[in-house]
Amino acid sequence: MFKEILENEGIKVELRSTEMAYMDNVYFGAGGMVDIYVDEEHFDEAKTIIEDLKRSENNNGEG
């Protein structure tokens, strides 16, 4: 989901699976835990997009 959304915004994304789970990982269902890598020039934009999506999902789950 995040990969497609970021790529639709023109941000090149690389997903790398990880063996060790830690706070900054994103869970991709049956695919397991992955790290999301973007070019440094797009980092702030990608981070904002992901945070907005997470916030939106949390708000939709309430009430």
N, C-alpha and C. Protein backbone atom coordinates (compact mmCIF):
# COMPACT_ATOMS: atom_id res chain seq x y z
N MET A 1 0.82 -1.18 0.00
CA MET A 1 0.00 0.00 0.00
C MET A 1 0.87 1.26 0.00
N PHE A 2 1.78 1.39 0.96
CA PHE A 2 2.62 2.59 1.04
C PHE A 2 3.46 2.74 -0.22
N LYS A 3 4.00 1.63 -0.72
CA LYS A 3 4.86 1.68 -1.89
C LYS A 3 4.11 2.28 -3.07
N GLU A 4 2.91 1.80 -3.33
CA GLU A 4 2.13 2.29 -4.46
C GLU A 4 1.77 3.76 -4.30
N ILE A 5 1.40 4.15 -3.10
CA ILE A 5 1.01 5.54 -2.85
C ILE A 5 2.21 6.47 -3.06
N LEU A 6 3.36 6.10 -2.51
CA LEU A 6 4.55 6.92 -2.69
C LEU A 6 4.96 7.00 -4.16
N GLU A 7 4.90 5.87 -4.86
CA GLU A 7 5.27 5.87 -6.27
C GLU A 7 4.31 6.72 -7.09
N ASN A 8 3.03 6.74 -6.71
CA ASN A 8 2.06 7.60 -7.40
C ASN A 8 2.38 9.08 -7.20
N GLU A 9 3.12 9.39 -6.14
CA GLU A 9 3.56 10.77 -5.88
C GLU A 9 4.91 11.07 -6.52
N GLY A 10 5.41 10.10 -7.30
CA GLY A 10 6.68 10.30 -8.00
C GLY A 10 7.91 10.00 -7.17
N ILE A 11 7.72 9.24 -6.07
CA ILE A 11 8.83 8.90 -5.18
C ILE A 11 9.23 7.45 -5.43
N LYS A 12 10.49 7.25 -5.83
CA LYS A 12 11.01 5.90 -6.04
C LYS A 12 11.16 5.22 -4.69
N VAL A 13 10.66 3.98 -4.59
CA VAL A 13 10.62 3.25 -3.32
C VAL A 13 11.31 1.90 -3.48
N GLU A 14 12.08 1.55 -2.46
CA GLU A 14 12.67 0.21 -2.39
C GLU A 14 12.25 -0.40 -1.06
N LEU A 15 11.71 -1.61 -1.11
CA LEU A 15 11.32 -2.32 0.10
C LEU A 15 12.36 -3.40 0.37
N ARG A 16 12.82 -3.47 1.61
CA ARG A 16 13.78 -4.50 2.01
C ARG A 16 13.22 -5.23 3.21
N SER A 17 13.15 -6.55 3.10
CA SER A 17 12.67 -7.32 4.24
C SER A 17 13.73 -7.33 5.33
N THR A 18 13.28 -7.51 6.54
CA THR A 18 14.20 -7.50 7.67
C THR A 18 13.87 -8.66 8.60
N GLU A 19 14.89 -9.22 9.19
CA GLU A 19 14.71 -10.31 10.15
C GLU A 19 14.37 -9.77 11.53
N MET A 20 14.92 -8.61 11.87
CA MET A 20 14.73 -8.06 13.20
C MET A 20 13.66 -6.99 13.16
N ALA A 21 12.64 -7.16 13.98
CA ALA A 21 11.57 -6.16 14.05
C ALA A 21 11.99 -5.05 15.00
N TYR A 22 11.76 -3.83 14.59
CA TYR A 22 11.98 -2.68 15.46
C TYR A 22 10.95 -1.62 15.12
N MET A 23 10.92 -0.55 15.88
CA MET A 23 9.83 0.42 15.85
C MET A 23 9.56 1.05 14.49
N ASP A 24 10.56 1.22 13.63
CA ASP A 24 10.35 1.95 12.39
C ASP A 24 9.91 1.07 11.23
N ASN A 25 9.70 -0.20 11.46
CA ASN A 25 9.25 -1.09 10.39
C ASN A 25 7.77 -0.89 10.13
N VAL A 26 7.38 -1.29 8.96
CA VAL A 26 5.97 -1.26 8.56
C VAL A 26 5.56 -2.69 8.28
N TYR A 27 4.40 -3.11 8.77
CA TYR A 27 3.94 -4.47 8.57
C TYR A 27 3.13 -4.55 7.29
N PHE A 28 3.49 -5.45 6.40
CA PHE A 28 2.82 -5.61 5.12
C PHE A 28 2.13 -6.97 5.07
N GLY A 29 1.19 -7.22 5.95
CA GLY A 29 0.39 -8.44 5.93
C GLY A 29 1.25 -9.68 5.86
N ALA A 30 0.90 -10.56 4.93
CA ALA A 30 1.59 -11.84 4.80
C ALA A 30 3.04 -11.65 4.35
N GLY A 31 3.36 -10.47 3.82
CA GLY A 31 4.72 -10.22 3.37
C GLY A 31 5.70 -10.01 4.50
N GLY A 32 5.21 -9.80 5.70
CA GLY A 32 6.07 -9.61 6.85
C GLY A 32 6.55 -8.17 7.00
N MET A 33 7.57 -8.01 7.82
CA MET A 33 8.10 -6.68 8.11
C MET A 33 9.07 -6.25 7.02
N VAL A 34 8.98 -4.98 6.63
CA VAL A 34 9.89 -4.43 5.64
C VAL A 34 10.32 -3.04 6.07
N ASP A 35 11.47 -2.63 5.58
CA ASP A 35 11.92 -1.24 5.71
C ASP A 35 11.62 -0.57 4.38
N ILE A 36 11.23 0.69 4.44
CA ILE A 36 10.95 1.47 3.25
C ILE A 36 12.13 2.41 3.02
N TYR A 37 12.73 2.33 1.84
CA TYR A 37 13.85 3.20 1.48
C TYR A 37 13.43 4.12 0.33
N VAL A 38 13.73 5.41 0.50
CA VAL A 38 13.50 6.40 -0.55
C VAL A 38 14.77 7.24 -0.69
N ASP A 39 14.89 7.92 -1.81
CA ASP A 39 16.04 8.82 -1.99
C ASP A 39 15.98 9.91 -0.93
N GLU A 40 17.15 10.34 -0.49
CA GLU A 40 17.24 11.35 0.57
C GLU A 40 16.45 12.62 0.22
N GLU A 41 16.47 12.98 -1.04
CA GLU A 41 15.78 14.21 -1.45
C GLU A 41 14.27 14.11 -1.27
N HIS A 42 13.72 12.89 -1.18
CA HIS A 42 12.28 12.69 -1.02
C HIS A 42 11.91 12.23 0.38
N PHE A 43 12.90 12.12 1.27
CA PHE A 43 12.64 11.56 2.60
C PHE A 43 11.55 12.30 3.36
N ASP A 44 11.67 13.61 3.48
CA ASP A 44 10.69 14.38 4.26
C ASP A 44 9.29 14.26 3.69
N GLU A 45 9.18 14.32 2.37
CA GLU A 45 7.87 14.19 1.71
C GLU A 45 7.28 12.80 1.96
N ALA A 46 8.10 11.76 1.80
CA ALA A 46 7.63 10.39 2.01
C ALA A 46 7.20 10.18 3.46
N LYS A 47 7.99 10.69 4.38
CA LYS A 47 7.66 10.56 5.80
C LYS A 47 6.33 11.23 6.11
N THR A 48 6.11 12.41 5.57
CA THR A 48 4.85 13.12 5.80
C THR A 48 3.67 12.35 5.22
N ILE A 49 3.83 11.81 4.03
CA ILE A 49 2.75 11.03 3.40
C ILE A 49 2.41 9.82 4.25
N ILE A 50 3.42 9.08 4.71
CA ILE A 50 3.18 7.88 5.51
C ILE A 50 2.54 8.24 6.84
N GLU A 51 3.03 9.29 7.49
CA GLU A 51 2.44 9.72 8.77
C GLU A 51 0.98 10.14 8.59
N ASP A 52 0.68 10.85 7.51
CA ASP A 52 -0.70 11.27 7.23
C ASP A 52 -1.59 10.05 7.01
N LEU A 53 -1.08 9.06 6.29
CA LEU A 53 -1.86 7.84 6.04
C LEU A 53 -2.14 7.09 7.34
N LYS A 54 -1.11 6.96 8.17
CA LYS A 54 -1.28 6.27 9.45
C LYS A 54 -2.29 7.01 10.33
N ARG A 55 -2.19 8.33 10.36
CA ARG A 55 -3.10 9.15 11.16
C ARG A 55 -4.53 8.98 10.64
N SER A 56 -4.70 8.98 9.34
CA SER A 56 -6.02 8.81 8.73
C SER A 56 -6.60 7.44 9.06
N GLU A 57 -5.78 6.39 9.00
CA GLU A 57 -6.24 5.05 9.34
C GLU A 57 -6.66 4.96 10.79
N ASN A 58 -5.89 5.59 11.68
CA ASN A 58 -6.23 5.59 13.11
C ASN A 58 -7.52 6.33 13.36
N ASN A 59 -7.74 7.44 12.69
CA ASN A 59 -8.97 8.21 12.87
C ASN A 59 -10.18 7.48 12.32
N ASN A 60 -10.01 6.73 11.22
CA ASN A 60 -11.12 5.97 10.66
C ASN A 60 -11.52 4.80 11.54
N GLY A 61 -10.59 4.29 12.33
CA GLY A 61 -10.87 3.16 13.20
C GLY A 61 -11.54 3.56 14.49
N GLU A 62 -11.60 4.85 14.80
CA GLU A 62 -12.20 5.31 16.05
C GLU A 62 -13.66 5.66 15.85
N GLY A 63 -14.44 5.44 16.92
CA GLY A 63 -15.82 5.87 16.91
C GLY A 63 -16.68 4.86 16.34
